[in-house]
Amino acid sequence: MFKFSRLFPTASIGAYLMALVIVVALPLLAFVGFLVLQLEGQEREGLANETAEDAQLIARSVDRELQDMATTLRLLITSPELEAGDLRAFHDRTQRSLRSNSLYVIVVDKDGQQRLNTRSPFGDPLPSMSNMPALESVLRSGITEVSSVFYGKTSNRWVFNVAMPLPDALSHSGSAIIMTQNAEDMEKLISIEGLPAGWSAAVIDGQGQVVASGGADRIASGKPFDPDTLRLMTGFKGTIEDVEGDERQMYGYAQITGWTWKAVVWGPIASAQEGIITTFKQLVAGGVIFLTLAVLFAYTIARQLRTPIRQIADMADRIGKGEIVSPVETRITEANQVAVALSNASFDRSEAEDRIHLILHELVHRTKNILTLVQAMMRQLGRQDTTMPEFQKAISTRLHGLGKSIEALAKEQWAGVRLMRVIEIHLSTFEAGDRLLVLGEDFMLKAEAVQNLGLVLHELATNSVKYGALSVPHGRVRISWDDVAPDDDGEPKIRLVWEESGGPLVSEPSRKGFGTTIIQRHAVAAFGGQVDVEFRPEGLVWRLVAPRANLERDDAVDERRSLAM
């Protein structure tokens, strides 16, 4: 099965921490950048709508101005002076009326000859009008039209006309009345106060020339607007973007209703989105700073982690050499816990090694004792008049019993075995069952006592199975022990009794064999006490009185003394 951990290379903890920071930070920064781009797109869409609305507002203002000029022309047509053909009176009255509005009225024939022009005194020679195509278009369509901007011969300025054909009743040869205005006067209608910094606005005539403009990229009247851009301005209103220049430009446009002119608002997108761009730059700069600080912080933490890890590794190396080490003090709680655990382990290991050495030494000592005991048994059995099979059986059974004691001690690491456990181990082989009664307060035997008492119990049980109570079904064995009053030396003593009943009649044997030596002489020597053996007719009684310290383990003796105090 594939393990995901194989994908990770072997590297330092600092590399992994910095990689973790980068893996966590980069997706976060990417997500923030995505949100900023989404916001930028929404703002651009809003900017496009606002730009188109700004163009439409300018278009409405210009439309009102042109409509006012057309209305004024319709009123002038109905003037009595014009109906009476009194052009002088019409000139003087119109000049006085329009003087404050920077508007001028011209009456021209169909061939373009000016009959009057309120810019000039009545009667002065007047040239033909400068914009004949506009006059021909008005006379041909019969409706009010606005001309493109042109340079006026009379005004010597860039002007535009709103022309209206005169009724036949006023002119039999076909003529038109024209209201002219300086193109620069239209700048008052171009409001750039609400536009972003660096943006511009303009009014464009039907020929693609600038009527008037304002803003950062102000274009002089009569100058052509970019024809490629104008060709893209289709429909009543809308926005387009120019991405070919140094800066991305946005153009909002709106057609002036009923006229050939249109209003255009344009400027760099960056200046309109300066806030979001500044925010994006701040986020990028902040993200870079954050990532740099995070990497530095991860490197600092890695150094903080690397030092205790190396110290702990050094502790482990010294422990491997068998040294006892003291815990190092670090700023990391878990590292301190590991250091304490390693220090404790070094002490435990030292103690375990000392214990093993002690056990090995004790094992050598006890092995010598066991071999000495085995040699004694073999010598004692060898002196008796027995056959080889009997000799082998005697040796085998006693070694078997001795082996049980050694096995029990080995399980307890030679620390001792409880008395009842020793009795259970040695009597279980003889299947005494409910014929065995054990009475007494259990205690822990020392290792030497386990071996020696095991030999005695084994001999007593063997003798009972052969000749005593355990040789018959109704025979009983009672093992009991209790404390006895100390002698003059004040040393506590214990009395251990093996008592048989219900078996065959017992008489004292005429010859003492190896078993008798074990239960008498060996017991006296091993426990430093007194042994009495009574061969009562109703059953054998074996009694041992010995210092309790020769049987009970030392720490158990100390515990009993502390409890007594």
Protein backbone atom coordinates (compact mmCIF):
# COMPACT_ATOMS: atom_id res chain seq x y z
CA MET A 1 0.00 0.00 0.00
CA PHE A 2 1.36 3.42 -0.97
CA LYS A 3 2.41 5.57 1.97
CA PHE A 4 1.85 9.29 1.67
CA SER A 5 4.90 9.96 3.83
CA ARG A 6 7.16 8.72 1.01
CA LEU A 7 6.40 11.91 -0.88
CA PHE A 8 8.21 13.95 1.75
CA PRO A 9 11.99 14.22 1.45
CA THR A 10 14.42 13.94 4.31
CA ALA A 11 14.95 17.50 5.52
CA SER A 12 15.53 19.54 8.65
CA ILE A 13 12.70 20.64 10.90
CA GLY A 14 13.38 24.24 9.83
CA ALA A 15 12.79 23.36 6.18
CA TYR A 16 9.53 21.65 7.05
CA LEU A 17 8.36 24.59 9.18
CA MET A 18 9.15 27.11 6.43
CA ALA A 19 7.45 24.86 3.88
CA LEU A 20 4.41 24.72 6.15
CA VAL A 21 4.32 28.52 6.36
CA ILE A 22 4.60 28.86 2.59
CA VAL A 23 1.96 26.19 1.94
CA VAL A 24 -0.46 27.93 4.31
CA ALA A 25 0.35 31.52 3.35
CA LEU A 26 0.48 31.28 -0.44
CA PRO A 27 -3.06 29.90 -0.92
CA LEU A 28 -4.33 32.54 1.49
CA LEU A 29 -2.58 35.30 -0.43
CA ALA A 30 -3.80 33.83 -3.72
CA PHE A 31 -7.37 33.76 -2.41
CA VAL A 32 -7.10 37.38 -1.23
CA GLY A 33 -5.71 38.32 -4.66
CA PHE A 34 -8.63 36.51 -6.31
CA LEU A 35 -11.09 38.45 -4.16
CA VAL A 36 -9.35 41.72 -5.04
CA LEU A 37 -9.54 40.87 -8.75
CA GLN A 38 -13.23 40.05 -8.37
CA LEU A 39 -13.73 43.38 -6.62
CA GLU A 40 -11.74 45.13 -9.33
CA GLY A 41 -13.95 43.56 -12.00
CA GLN A 42 -17.08 44.67 -10.18
CA GLU A 43 -15.70 48.18 -9.78
CA ARG A 44 -14.79 48.30 -13.47
CA GLU A 45 -18.31 47.30 -14.38
CA GLY A 46 -19.64 50.01 -12.09
CA LEU A 47 -17.16 52.47 -13.60
CA ALA A 48 -18.40 51.63 -17.09
CA ASN A 49 -22.00 52.30 -16.07
CA GLU A 50 -21.06 55.56 -14.34
CA THR A 51 -18.99 56.69 -17.35
CA ALA A 52 -21.91 56.09 -19.71
CA GLU A 53 -24.22 57.97 -17.32
CA ASP A 54 -21.78 60.91 -17.13
CA ALA A 55 -21.70 61.08 -20.94
CA GLN A 56 -25.48 60.98 -21.06
CA LEU A 57 -25.74 63.84 -18.51
CA ILE A 58 -23.51 65.99 -20.71
CA ALA A 59 -25.52 64.97 -23.76
CA ARG A 60 -28.74 66.09 -22.04
CA SER A 61 -27.23 69.46 -21.14
CA VAL A 62 -26.08 70.01 -24.73
CA ASP A 63 -29.46 68.86 -26.03
CA ARG A 64 -31.22 71.44 -23.84
CA GLU A 65 -28.88 74.12 -25.13
CA LEU A 66 -29.52 73.20 -28.77
CA GLN A 67 -33.25 72.91 -28.14
CA ASP A 68 -33.23 76.38 -26.56
CA MET A 69 -31.44 77.72 -29.63
CA ALA A 70 -33.99 76.07 -31.93
CA THR A 71 -36.87 77.46 -29.85
CA THR A 72 -35.36 80.90 -30.03
CA LEU A 73 -35.16 80.60 -33.82
CA ARG A 74 -38.82 79.62 -34.00
CA LEU A 75 -39.71 82.68 -31.97
CA LEU A 76 -37.61 84.94 -34.17
CA ILE A 77 -39.36 83.68 -37.29
CA THR A 78 -42.61 85.00 -35.89
CA SER A 79 -41.23 88.46 -35.14
CA PRO A 80 -43.24 91.32 -36.82
CA GLU A 81 -40.08 92.93 -38.16
CA LEU A 82 -39.12 89.82 -40.07
CA GLU A 83 -42.65 89.29 -41.35
CA ALA A 84 -42.70 92.93 -42.56
CA GLY A 85 -39.34 92.49 -44.26
CA ASP A 86 -37.75 95.18 -42.11
CA LEU A 87 -34.34 93.50 -41.70
CA ARG A 88 -32.78 96.55 -40.04
CA ALA A 89 -35.35 96.63 -37.30
CA PHE A 90 -35.10 92.85 -36.96
CA HIS A 91 -31.31 93.16 -36.76
CA ASP A 92 -31.37 95.83 -34.09
CA ARG A 93 -33.99 94.12 -31.95
CA THR A 94 -32.38 90.70 -32.18
CA GLN A 95 -28.93 92.08 -31.44
CA ARG A 96 -30.21 93.76 -28.29
CA SER A 97 -32.06 90.64 -27.17
CA LEU A 98 -29.19 88.16 -27.64
CA ARG A 99 -26.29 90.34 -26.61
CA SER A 100 -26.07 88.83 -23.10
CA ASN A 101 -26.24 85.22 -24.34
CA SER A 102 -23.29 85.26 -26.78
CA LEU A 103 -25.69 84.13 -29.47
CA TYR A 104 -25.77 85.62 -32.95
CA VAL A 105 -28.36 85.43 -35.71
CA ILE A 106 -27.66 85.24 -39.41
CA VAL A 107 -30.10 85.35 -42.29
CA VAL A 108 -28.71 83.88 -45.51
CA ASP A 109 -29.93 83.27 -49.03
CA LYS A 110 -29.88 79.81 -50.54
CA ASP A 111 -26.59 80.61 -52.22
CA GLY A 112 -25.00 81.35 -48.85
CA GLN A 113 -24.93 85.12 -49.08
CA GLN A 114 -25.46 86.70 -45.69
CA ARG A 115 -28.24 89.22 -45.59
CA LEU A 116 -27.65 90.16 -41.97
CA ASN A 117 -25.38 89.11 -39.14
CA THR A 118 -25.87 90.42 -35.64
CA ARG A 119 -22.09 90.15 -35.07
CA SER A 120 -21.70 93.11 -37.50
CA PRO A 121 -23.51 96.42 -37.79
CA PHE A 122 -26.41 96.35 -40.21
CA GLY A 123 -25.37 97.53 -43.67
CA ASP A 124 -21.72 96.44 -43.44
CA PRO A 125 -20.58 94.24 -46.35
CA LEU A 126 -20.90 90.58 -45.37
CA PRO A 127 -19.12 87.61 -46.94
CA SER A 128 -20.76 84.40 -47.96
CA MET A 129 -21.25 81.96 -45.11
CA SER A 130 -18.41 79.58 -44.38
CA ASN A 131 -20.36 76.32 -43.96
CA MET A 132 -22.30 75.82 -47.20
CA PRO A 133 -22.84 72.05 -46.79
CA ALA A 134 -24.78 72.68 -43.58
CA LEU A 135 -26.99 75.27 -45.35
CA GLU A 136 -27.67 72.95 -48.26
CA SER A 137 -28.59 70.12 -45.84
CA VAL A 138 -31.09 72.32 -43.96
CA LEU A 139 -32.70 73.66 -47.13
CA ARG A 140 -32.89 70.11 -48.50
CA SER A 141 -34.40 68.51 -45.38
CA GLY A 142 -36.59 71.42 -44.37
CA ILE A 143 -35.95 70.77 -40.64
CA THR A 144 -33.81 72.37 -37.98
CA GLU A 145 -30.26 71.03 -37.92
CA VAL A 146 -27.04 71.64 -36.07
CA SER A 147 -23.90 72.01 -38.11
CA SER A 148 -20.42 70.76 -37.47
CA VAL A 149 -17.92 73.19 -36.05
CA PHE A 150 -16.15 75.40 -38.56
CA TYR A 151 -13.98 78.45 -38.55
CA GLY A 152 -16.17 81.53 -39.08
CA LYS A 153 -15.08 84.20 -41.54
CA THR A 154 -16.86 86.93 -39.67
CA SER A 155 -16.07 85.86 -36.09
CA ASN A 156 -12.59 84.48 -36.84
CA ARG A 157 -13.37 81.77 -34.34
CA TRP A 158 -14.55 78.18 -34.25
CA VAL A 159 -18.32 78.28 -34.24
CA PHE A 160 -21.31 76.10 -34.90
CA ASN A 161 -24.76 76.85 -36.29
CA VAL A 162 -28.30 75.83 -35.56
CA ALA A 163 -30.09 76.48 -38.85
CA MET A 164 -33.78 76.56 -39.68
CA PRO A 165 -35.30 77.16 -43.17
CA LEU A 166 -37.45 80.25 -43.42
CA PRO A 167 -41.07 79.79 -44.53
CA ASP A 168 -41.82 80.59 -48.15
CA ALA A 169 -44.04 83.40 -46.98
CA LEU A 170 -40.96 85.16 -45.62
CA SER A 171 -38.61 84.24 -48.45
CA HIS A 172 -39.71 83.50 -51.95
CA SER A 173 -36.23 82.64 -53.13
CA GLY A 174 -35.50 80.17 -50.26
CA SER A 175 -33.40 81.27 -47.38
CA ALA A 176 -32.58 80.21 -43.81
CA ILE A 177 -32.20 81.76 -40.42
CA ILE A 178 -29.21 80.64 -38.44
CA MET A 179 -28.23 81.00 -34.82
CA THR A 180 -24.50 80.78 -34.38
CA GLN A 181 -22.46 80.40 -31.21
CA ASN A 182 -18.79 80.22 -30.42
CA ALA A 183 -17.75 76.61 -29.86
CA GLU A 184 -15.82 77.56 -26.74
CA ASP A 185 -19.07 78.72 -25.14
CA MET A 186 -20.22 75.08 -24.98
CA GLU A 187 -17.46 74.34 -22.45
CA LYS A 188 -19.73 75.60 -19.68
CA LEU A 189 -21.98 72.58 -20.34
CA ILE A 190 -19.16 70.10 -19.91
CA SER A 191 -18.96 69.37 -16.18
CA ILE A 192 -15.86 67.49 -15.08
CA GLU A 193 -16.27 67.97 -11.32
CA GLY A 194 -17.63 64.46 -10.76
CA LEU A 195 -15.07 62.76 -12.99
CA PRO A 196 -12.05 60.88 -11.61
CA ALA A 197 -8.71 62.65 -11.62
CA GLY A 198 -7.10 62.65 -15.06
CA TRP A 199 -10.40 62.19 -16.94
CA SER A 200 -11.80 64.37 -19.74
CA ALA A 201 -15.08 65.06 -21.53
CA ALA A 202 -15.93 66.45 -24.95
CA VAL A 203 -18.79 67.14 -27.33
CA ILE A 204 -18.17 65.71 -30.79
CA ASP A 205 -19.99 66.93 -33.93
CA GLY A 206 -21.29 64.78 -36.76
CA GLN A 207 -17.97 65.04 -38.61
CA GLY A 208 -15.96 63.71 -35.71
CA GLN A 209 -14.57 67.10 -34.72
CA VAL A 210 -14.40 68.38 -31.19
CA VAL A 211 -16.94 71.11 -30.47
CA ALA A 212 -15.74 71.74 -26.95
CA SER A 213 -13.92 69.73 -24.30
CA GLY A 214 -12.60 69.92 -20.75
CA GLY A 215 -10.48 67.97 -18.34
CA ALA A 216 -6.93 66.63 -18.30
CA ASP A 217 -6.78 65.85 -22.03
CA ARG A 218 -8.60 68.93 -23.27
CA ILE A 219 -8.81 69.03 -27.07
CA ALA A 220 -9.15 72.32 -28.89
CA SER A 221 -12.31 73.05 -30.84
CA GLY A 222 -12.21 71.91 -34.44
CA LYS A 223 -9.62 69.21 -33.77
CA PRO A 224 -10.62 65.74 -34.97
CA PHE A 225 -11.35 63.11 -32.32
CA ASP A 226 -9.68 59.71 -32.80
CA PRO A 227 -11.64 58.23 -35.73
CA ASP A 228 -10.83 54.61 -34.79
CA THR A 229 -12.32 55.17 -31.37
CA LEU A 230 -15.39 56.92 -32.79
CA ARG A 231 -16.10 53.99 -35.11
CA LEU A 232 -16.45 51.75 -32.08
CA MET A 233 -19.05 54.02 -30.49
CA THR A 234 -22.20 52.39 -31.82
CA GLY A 235 -25.66 52.56 -30.34
CA PHE A 236 -27.34 55.25 -28.29
CA LYS A 237 -24.90 54.99 -25.36
CA GLY A 238 -22.28 52.68 -23.99
CA THR A 239 -18.64 52.21 -23.05
CA ILE A 240 -15.56 50.88 -24.80
CA GLU A 241 -12.03 50.19 -23.59
CA ASP A 242 -8.78 50.97 -25.33
CA VAL A 243 -6.00 48.56 -24.31
CA GLU A 244 -3.41 49.50 -26.93
CA GLY A 245 -1.89 52.54 -25.24
CA ASP A 246 0.42 52.87 -22.31
CA GLU A 247 -2.60 53.08 -20.04
CA ARG A 248 -5.92 51.32 -20.40
CA GLN A 249 -8.50 53.92 -21.34
CA MET A 250 -12.25 53.77 -20.90
CA TYR A 251 -14.64 55.74 -23.09
CA GLY A 252 -18.25 56.43 -22.22
CA TYR A 253 -20.44 57.93 -24.90
CA ALA A 254 -24.03 59.05 -25.42
CA GLN A 255 -25.79 60.25 -28.55
CA ILE A 256 -27.47 63.66 -28.23
CA THR A 257 -31.11 62.91 -28.99
CA GLY A 258 -32.36 64.42 -32.27
CA TRP A 259 -28.94 65.74 -33.27
CA THR A 260 -25.82 64.40 -34.94
CA TRP A 261 -23.59 65.23 -32.01
CA LYS A 262 -22.51 62.96 -29.18
CA ALA A 263 -20.96 63.44 -25.76
CA VAL A 264 -17.82 61.48 -24.81
CA VAL A 265 -16.20 60.96 -21.40
CA TRP A 266 -12.85 59.19 -21.18
CA GLY A 267 -9.81 58.66 -19.04
CA PRO A 268 -7.36 56.07 -17.65
CA ILE A 269 -9.00 53.20 -15.79
CA ALA A 270 -6.16 53.19 -13.28
CA SER A 271 -6.95 56.66 -12.00
CA ALA A 272 -10.63 55.78 -11.58
CA GLN A 273 -9.69 52.60 -9.72
CA GLU A 274 -6.88 54.17 -7.78
CA GLY A 275 -8.42 53.06 -4.49
CA ILE A 276 -8.71 49.39 -5.42
CA ILE A 277 -5.29 49.42 -7.10
CA THR A 278 -3.76 51.00 -4.01
CA THR A 279 -5.48 48.37 -1.89
CA PHE A 280 -4.18 45.62 -4.17
CA LYS A 281 -0.65 46.98 -3.97
CA GLN A 282 -0.93 47.22 -0.21
CA LEU A 283 -2.18 43.65 -0.04
CA VAL A 284 0.68 42.43 -2.23
CA ALA A 285 3.24 44.37 -0.19
CA GLY A 286 1.63 43.25 3.05
CA GLY A 287 1.51 39.66 1.82
CA VAL A 288 5.19 39.72 0.92
CA ILE A 289 6.05 41.25 4.29
CA PHE A 290 3.80 38.77 6.07
CA LEU A 291 5.33 35.82 4.21
CA THR A 292 8.85 37.08 4.92
CA LEU A 293 8.11 37.57 8.60
CA ALA A 294 6.41 34.18 8.78
CA VAL A 295 9.42 32.46 7.20
CA LEU A 296 11.77 34.28 9.58
CA PHE A 297 9.54 33.32 12.49
CA ALA A 298 9.48 29.70 11.33
CA TYR A 299 13.27 29.75 11.03
CA THR A 300 13.55 31.17 14.57
CA ILE A 301 11.23 28.50 15.94
CA ALA A 302 13.16 25.84 14.04
CA ARG A 303 16.33 26.99 15.77
CA GLN A 304 14.52 26.86 19.10
CA LEU A 305 13.43 23.30 18.32
CA ARG A 306 16.74 22.19 16.84
CA THR A 307 18.78 23.01 19.96
CA PRO A 308 16.75 20.89 22.44
CA ILE A 309 16.50 18.07 19.90
CA ARG A 310 20.27 18.00 19.57
CA GLN A 311 20.63 18.13 23.34
CA ILE A 312 18.23 15.22 23.71
CA ALA A 313 20.05 13.31 20.97
CA ASP A 314 23.31 13.88 22.88
CA MET A 315 21.61 12.56 26.04
CA ALA A 316 20.48 9.46 24.15
CA ASP A 317 24.01 8.92 22.80
CA ARG A 318 25.47 9.15 26.30
CA ILE A 319 22.84 6.75 27.62
CA GLY A 320 23.87 4.34 24.86
CA LYS A 321 27.40 4.51 26.26
CA GLY A 322 26.10 3.55 29.69
CA GLU A 323 26.31 6.99 31.32
CA ILE A 324 23.82 8.41 33.79
CA VAL A 325 22.61 11.76 32.43
CA SER A 326 20.80 14.64 34.07
CA PRO A 327 17.87 16.28 32.23
CA VAL A 328 18.55 19.39 30.15
CA GLU A 329 16.46 22.50 30.66
CA THR A 330 14.86 23.92 27.48
CA ARG A 331 12.05 26.34 26.64
CA ILE A 332 9.88 23.56 25.20
CA THR A 333 7.67 21.67 27.64
CA GLU A 334 7.54 18.46 25.62
CA ALA A 335 11.32 18.47 25.15
CA ASN A 336 11.74 18.88 28.91
CA GLN A 337 9.43 15.91 29.45
CA VAL A 338 11.48 13.80 27.03
CA ALA A 339 14.69 14.92 28.73
CA VAL A 340 13.33 13.95 32.16
CA ALA A 341 12.15 10.61 30.76
CA LEU A 342 15.60 9.94 29.25
CA SER A 343 17.29 10.92 32.52
CA ASN A 344 14.99 8.58 34.44
CA ALA A 345 15.65 5.89 31.85
CA SER A 346 19.41 6.32 32.35
CA PHE A 347 18.99 5.84 36.10
CA ASP A 348 16.63 2.91 35.55
CA ARG A 349 19.08 1.36 33.12
CA SER A 350 21.95 1.80 35.58
CA GLU A 351 19.86 0.26 38.34
CA ALA A 352 18.78 -2.55 36.03
CA GLU A 353 22.38 -3.24 35.07
CA ASP A 354 23.38 -3.22 38.73
CA ARG A 355 20.48 -5.56 39.47
CA ILE A 356 21.52 -7.85 36.64
CA HIS A 357 25.08 -7.89 37.91
CA LEU A 358 23.80 -8.62 41.41
CA ILE A 359 21.52 -11.35 40.10
CA LEU A 360 24.36 -12.87 38.10
CA HIS A 361 26.59 -12.76 41.14
CA GLU A 362 23.80 -14.22 43.25
CA LEU A 363 23.15 -16.83 40.59
CA VAL A 364 26.78 -17.89 40.62
CA HIS A 365 26.68 -18.05 44.41
CA ARG A 366 23.46 -20.01 44.48
CA THR A 367 24.58 -22.28 41.70
CA LYS A 368 27.62 -23.16 43.78
CA ASN A 369 25.37 -23.78 46.77
CA ILE A 370 23.04 -25.93 44.69
CA LEU A 371 25.94 -27.91 43.28
CA THR A 372 27.33 -28.35 46.79
CA LEU A 373 23.92 -29.51 47.94
CA VAL A 374 23.61 -31.90 45.02
CA GLN A 375 27.08 -33.28 45.71
CA ALA A 376 26.14 -33.80 49.35
CA MET A 377 22.99 -35.64 48.35
CA MET A 378 24.89 -37.82 45.98
CA ARG A 379 27.56 -38.60 48.58
CA GLN A 380 24.95 -39.36 51.21
CA LEU A 381 22.93 -41.55 48.87
CA GLY A 382 26.11 -43.18 47.65
CA ARG A 383 26.97 -44.36 51.14
CA GLN A 384 23.71 -46.24 51.40
CA ASP A 385 23.30 -49.78 50.28
CA THR A 386 21.09 -49.12 47.26
CA THR A 387 20.94 -50.37 43.75
CA MET A 388 21.70 -48.13 40.81
CA PRO A 389 18.02 -47.75 39.82
CA GLU A 390 17.13 -46.81 43.40
CA PHE A 391 20.04 -44.36 43.49
CA GLN A 392 18.95 -42.76 40.20
CA LYS A 393 15.34 -42.49 41.37
CA ALA A 394 16.34 -40.96 44.68
CA ILE A 395 18.56 -38.43 42.96
CA SER A 396 15.92 -37.66 40.28
CA THR A 397 13.07 -37.00 42.72
CA ARG A 398 15.16 -34.71 44.94
CA LEU A 399 16.57 -32.80 41.95
CA HIS A 400 13.01 -32.46 40.68
CA GLY A 401 11.91 -30.90 43.95
CA LEU A 402 14.96 -28.67 44.03
CA GLY A 403 14.22 -27.63 40.45
CA LYS A 404 10.71 -26.50 41.43
CA SER A 405 12.12 -24.22 44.10
CA ILE A 406 14.66 -22.77 41.68
CA GLU A 407 11.94 -22.23 39.04
CA ALA A 408 9.75 -20.38 41.54
CA LEU A 409 12.67 -18.22 42.60
CA ALA A 410 13.59 -17.45 38.99
CA LYS A 411 10.05 -16.22 38.30
CA GLU A 412 10.41 -13.84 41.24
CA GLN A 413 13.94 -12.81 40.14
CA TRP A 414 15.41 -14.53 43.24
CA ALA A 415 13.60 -12.06 45.48
CA GLY A 416 11.87 -14.80 47.46
CA VAL A 417 8.61 -16.79 47.40
CA ARG A 418 5.70 -16.80 49.81
CA LEU A 419 5.48 -19.74 52.22
CA MET A 420 2.06 -20.94 51.06
CA ARG A 421 3.27 -20.88 47.48
CA VAL A 422 6.25 -23.07 48.38
CA ILE A 423 3.93 -25.55 50.11
CA GLU A 424 1.59 -25.56 47.11
CA ILE A 425 4.47 -26.13 44.65
CA HIS A 426 5.94 -29.12 46.47
CA LEU A 427 2.74 -30.77 47.69
CA SER A 428 0.89 -30.47 44.36
CA THR A 429 3.11 -33.20 42.89
CA PHE A 430 1.84 -35.68 45.46
CA GLU A 431 -1.84 -34.87 44.85
CA ALA A 432 -2.67 -34.36 48.51
CA GLY A 433 -5.79 -32.38 47.63
CA ASP A 434 -8.25 -31.93 50.50
CA ARG A 435 -6.15 -34.20 52.71
CA LEU A 436 -3.78 -31.29 53.26
CA LEU A 437 -4.58 -28.58 55.81
CA VAL A 438 -2.42 -25.45 55.92
CA LEU A 439 -2.74 -23.00 58.82
CA GLY A 440 -0.77 -19.83 59.45
CA GLU A 441 -0.27 -16.21 58.39
CA ASP A 442 1.50 -16.20 55.05
CA PHE A 443 4.82 -14.37 54.67
CA MET A 444 7.66 -14.01 52.17
CA LEU A 445 10.53 -16.50 52.44
CA LYS A 446 14.03 -15.46 51.52
CA ALA A 447 15.69 -17.23 48.60
CA GLU A 448 17.86 -19.58 50.72
CA ALA A 449 14.89 -20.59 52.82
CA VAL A 450 12.86 -21.42 49.69
CA GLN A 451 15.46 -23.96 48.54
CA ASN A 452 16.13 -25.51 51.92
CA LEU A 453 12.50 -25.62 53.05
CA GLY A 454 11.59 -27.01 49.64
CA LEU A 455 14.02 -29.91 50.20
CA VAL A 456 12.57 -30.58 53.67
CA LEU A 457 8.95 -30.46 52.50
CA HIS A 458 9.79 -32.68 49.54
CA GLU A 459 11.39 -35.28 51.87
CA LEU A 460 8.49 -35.13 54.30
CA ALA A 461 5.95 -35.51 51.50
CA THR A 462 7.91 -38.34 49.88
CA ASN A 463 8.17 -40.21 53.18
CA SER A 464 4.42 -39.62 53.83
CA VAL A 465 3.48 -40.99 50.41
CA LYS A 466 5.63 -44.08 50.95
CA TYR A 467 5.01 -44.90 54.60
CA GLY A 468 2.83 -42.24 56.22
CA ALA A 469 -0.56 -40.56 56.07
CA LEU A 470 -0.54 -39.83 52.33
CA SER A 471 -0.08 -43.53 51.58
CA VAL A 472 -3.74 -44.20 52.41
CA PRO A 473 -6.90 -42.42 51.21
CA HIS A 474 -8.08 -41.37 54.65
CA GLY A 475 -4.72 -40.00 55.82
CA ARG A 476 -4.29 -36.32 56.62
CA VAL A 477 -1.37 -33.89 56.76
CA ARG A 478 -1.50 -30.67 58.75
CA ILE A 479 1.10 -27.93 58.16
CA SER A 480 0.99 -25.02 60.56
CA TRP A 481 3.21 -22.25 61.81
CA ASP A 482 3.06 -19.56 64.44
CA ASP A 483 5.29 -17.24 66.40
CA VAL A 484 6.81 -18.39 69.68
CA ALA A 485 8.09 -16.38 72.59
CA PRO A 486 11.68 -15.18 72.05
CA ASP A 487 14.56 -16.51 74.15
CA ASP A 488 16.81 -14.41 76.30
CA ASP A 489 18.37 -12.89 73.19
CA GLY A 490 15.00 -11.35 72.32
CA GLU A 491 15.09 -12.56 68.73
CA PRO A 492 11.64 -13.39 67.24
CA LYS A 493 11.21 -17.05 66.39
CA ILE A 494 8.77 -19.12 64.40
CA ARG A 495 7.55 -22.67 64.86
CA LEU A 496 6.76 -24.73 61.75
CA VAL A 497 4.99 -28.10 62.30
CA TRP A 498 4.34 -31.02 59.94
CA GLU A 499 1.80 -33.30 61.54
CA GLU A 500 0.36 -36.50 60.02
CA SER A 501 -2.74 -38.40 61.11
CA GLY A 502 -5.01 -41.17 59.92
CA GLY A 503 -2.23 -43.15 58.31
CA PRO A 504 -0.65 -46.53 59.12
CA LEU A 505 0.88 -47.10 62.53
CA VAL A 506 4.21 -45.36 62.79
CA SER A 507 7.35 -46.67 64.46
CA GLU A 508 10.80 -45.17 64.61
CA PRO A 509 12.99 -46.59 61.81
CA SER A 510 15.91 -48.75 62.76
CA ARG A 511 18.13 -47.16 60.13
CA LYS A 512 18.43 -43.47 59.31
CA GLY A 513 18.76 -42.70 55.63
CA PHE A 514 19.30 -39.58 53.52
CA GLY A 515 15.72 -38.35 54.08
CA THR A 516 16.22 -38.30 57.82
CA THR A 517 19.45 -36.35 57.31
CA ILE A 518 17.57 -33.74 55.27
CA ILE A 519 14.69 -33.19 57.67
CA GLN A 520 16.91 -33.13 60.74
CA ARG A 521 20.54 -32.22 60.27
CA HIS A 522 20.12 -30.17 57.07
CA ALA A 523 17.15 -28.27 58.51
CA VAL A 524 19.04 -27.42 61.67
CA ALA A 525 22.05 -26.20 59.69
CA ALA A 526 19.98 -24.30 57.11
CA PHE A 527 17.65 -22.46 59.52
CA GLY A 528 19.88 -22.22 62.62
CA GLY A 529 17.18 -23.66 64.84
CA GLN A 530 16.01 -26.84 66.53
CA VAL A 531 14.27 -29.79 64.90
CA ASP A 532 12.20 -32.37 66.76
CA VAL A 533 10.90 -35.51 65.07
CA GLU A 534 8.29 -37.61 66.87
CA PHE A 535 7.28 -40.99 65.52
CA ARG A 536 3.86 -41.20 67.14
CA PRO A 537 1.77 -44.29 66.37
CA GLU A 538 -0.98 -42.10 64.90
CA GLY A 539 1.47 -40.26 62.64
CA LEU A 540 4.81 -38.50 62.20
CA VAL A 541 5.28 -35.06 63.72
CA TRP A 542 8.13 -32.85 62.51
CA ARG A 543 8.70 -29.58 64.32
CA LEU A 544 11.11 -26.73 63.51
CA VAL A 545 11.75 -23.80 65.83
CA ALA A 546 14.10 -21.23 64.29
CA PRO A 547 14.74 -17.48 64.21
CA ARG A 548 12.15 -15.85 61.98
CA ALA A 549 14.87 -13.78 60.31
CA ASN A 550 16.42 -17.00 58.94
CA LEU A 551 13.24 -17.74 57.00
CA GLU A 552 11.56 -14.40 56.28
CA ARG A 553 12.92 -11.96 53.68
CA ASP A 554 14.69 -8.93 55.17
CA ASP A 555 12.38 -6.21 53.83
CA ALA A 556 9.38 -8.16 55.05
CA VAL A 557 10.93 -8.30 58.52
CA ASP A 558 11.53 -4.53 58.46
CA GLU A 559 7.93 -3.94 57.37
CA ARG A 560 6.58 -6.09 60.20
CA ARG A 561 8.75 -4.21 62.71
CA SER A 562 7.52 -0.83 61.46
CA LEU A 563 3.91 -1.97 61.71
CA ALA A 564 4.52 -3.27 65.25
CA MET A 565 5.95 0.09 66.26
